[in-house]
Protein backbone atom coordinates (compact mmCIF):
# COMPACT_ATOMS: atom_id res chain seq x y z
CA MET A 1 153.57 17.66 21.12
CA VAL A 2 155.08 14.86 23.17
CA ALA A 3 151.68 14.02 24.67
CA LEU A 4 150.12 13.93 21.21
CA GLY A 5 152.98 11.72 20.03
CA VAL A 6 152.38 9.29 22.89
CA ILE A 7 148.68 9.09 21.99
CA VAL A 8 149.52 8.34 18.35
CA VAL A 9 152.06 5.68 19.39
CA TRP A 10 149.47 4.19 21.75
CA ALA A 11 146.80 4.05 19.04
CA VAL A 12 149.14 2.55 16.43
CA THR A 13 151.03 0.04 18.57
CA GLY A 14 148.07 -1.32 20.53
CA PRO A 15 146.71 -3.54 17.78
CA LEU A 16 150.24 -4.47 16.64
CA PHE A 17 151.09 -5.93 20.06
CA ALA A 18 147.56 -7.25 20.70
CA PHE A 19 147.22 -4.97 23.72
CA SER A 20 149.49 -7.31 25.73
CA ASP A 21 150.49 -6.73 29.36
CA THR A 22 153.99 -5.69 28.28
CA TRP A 23 152.53 -3.18 25.83
CA GLN A 24 150.30 -1.75 28.56
CA LEU A 25 153.28 -1.46 30.93
CA VAL A 26 155.36 0.38 28.33
CA ILE A 27 152.50 2.74 27.45
CA ASN A 28 151.70 3.44 31.13
CA THR A 29 155.36 4.16 31.82
CA GLY A 30 155.53 6.51 28.84
CA THR A 31 152.40 8.40 29.84
CA THR A 32 153.63 8.68 33.43
CA ILE A 33 156.89 10.23 32.26
CA VAL A 34 155.07 12.66 29.95
CA THR A 35 152.67 13.61 32.76
CA PHE A 36 155.58 14.25 35.12
CA LEU A 37 157.30 16.47 32.55
CA MET A 38 154.10 18.40 31.86
CA VAL A 39 153.52 19.01 35.57
CA PHE A 40 157.11 20.20 35.90
CA LEU A 41 156.68 22.65 33.01
CA ILE A 42 153.36 23.95 34.34
CA GLN A 43 154.83 24.45 37.82
CA ARG A 44 157.83 26.27 36.35
CA ALA A 45 155.53 28.63 34.46
CA GLN A 46 153.44 29.25 37.58
CA ASN A 47 156.55 29.98 39.66
CA LYS A 48 157.72 32.50 37.08
CA ASP A 49 154.29 34.13 37.04
CA ASN A 50 154.13 34.27 40.84
CA ARG A 51 157.58 35.84 41.01
CA ALA A 52 156.57 38.51 38.47
CA ILE A 53 153.41 39.27 40.47
CA HIS A 54 155.44 39.59 43.69
CA LEU A 55 157.86 41.98 41.98
CA LYS A 56 155.00 44.11 40.69
CA LEU A 57 153.40 44.23 44.14
CA ASN A 58 156.76 45.12 45.71
CA GLU A 59 157.07 48.00 43.24
CA LEU A 60 153.60 49.24 44.15
CA VAL A 61 154.29 49.07 47.87
CA ALA A 62 157.63 50.84 47.43
CA ALA A 63 156.11 53.55 45.20
CA VAL A 64 153.09 54.45 47.35
CA GLU A 65 153.87 57.16 49.86
CA GLY A 66 152.82 56.16 53.34
CA ALA A 67 152.63 52.44 52.55
CA SER A 68 154.31 50.10 54.99
CA ASN A 69 157.60 48.85 53.56
CA ARG A 70 157.44 45.74 55.72
CA LEU A 71 155.34 44.16 52.98
CA ILE A 72 158.14 44.31 50.42
CA ASP A 73 159.31 40.71 49.88
CA ALA A 74 156.70 39.43 52.34
CA GLU A 75 156.84 36.08 50.52
CA ASP A 76 160.33 35.56 51.97
CA LEU A 77 159.20 35.95 55.60
CA THR A 78 158.84 33.03 57.98
CA GLU A 79 155.43 31.69 58.98
CA ASP A 80 155.74 33.42 62.38
CA GLU A 81 156.60 36.76 60.77
CA LEU A 82 153.65 36.42 58.38
CA GLU A 83 151.36 35.64 61.30
CA LEU A 84 152.64 38.74 63.13
CA LEU A 85 151.94 40.89 60.07
CA HIS A 86 148.50 39.34 59.75
CA ARG A 87 147.73 40.28 63.36
CA PHE A 88 148.95 43.86 62.75
CA TYR A 89 146.72 44.27 59.72
CA THR A 90 143.78 42.64 61.47
CA GLU A 91 144.23 45.24 64.20
CA LEU A 92 144.46 47.94 61.53
CA VAL A 93 141.12 46.85 60.11
CA THR A 94 139.57 46.82 63.58
CA LEU A 95 140.87 50.32 64.32
CA SER A 96 139.93 51.60 60.86
CA LYS A 97 136.36 50.38 61.29
CA LYS A 98 136.10 52.80 64.18
CA ASP A 99 136.99 55.64 61.77
CA ARG A 100 134.58 57.00 59.21
CA HIS A 101 136.49 55.54 56.24
CA LEU A 102 138.68 52.46 55.94
CA SER A 103 141.23 54.39 53.88
CA GLU A 104 142.07 56.94 56.58
CA SER A 105 145.00 54.97 58.05
CA HIS A 106 148.17 53.78 56.35
CA SER A 107 149.89 51.81 59.09
CA VAL A 108 149.11 50.08 62.36
CA GLU A 109 151.16 52.63 64.25
CA GLU A 110 149.30 55.52 62.60
CA ALA A 111 145.95 53.86 63.29
CA ARG A 112 146.87 53.35 66.96
CA SER A 113 147.99 56.97 67.23
CA ARG A 114 144.83 58.30 65.58
CA HIS A 115 142.63 56.09 67.70
CA SER A 116 144.41 57.18 70.90
CA ASP A 117 144.05 60.83 69.86
CA LYS A 118 140.32 60.34 69.33
CA LEU A 119 139.88 58.76 72.73
CA ALA A 120 141.81 61.59 74.44
């Protein structure tokens, strides 16, 4: 509504002030402020949505038997911790590819154990 209001003000006041430099400065300032506020509102909505998605994923991880609980609240981990988890799951994929089905393993430790048992 504010953005629409600014457009109406722009269209009405332009001819009244003969599109002067001062008029352009005021309109540009107004549109910049409205743009900033809109970006702030959009980012707030996205943050809320992301938080809800993380909570839903945490619930799924916590509810699934055999799932690794180290993924609960993974978004709060440091970059180094995320990299370590990424390496673990990359290894899990590598070990799982050696199995018949990708869904046979639930954790890196279980995949290592199964793979060692197969080699023995």
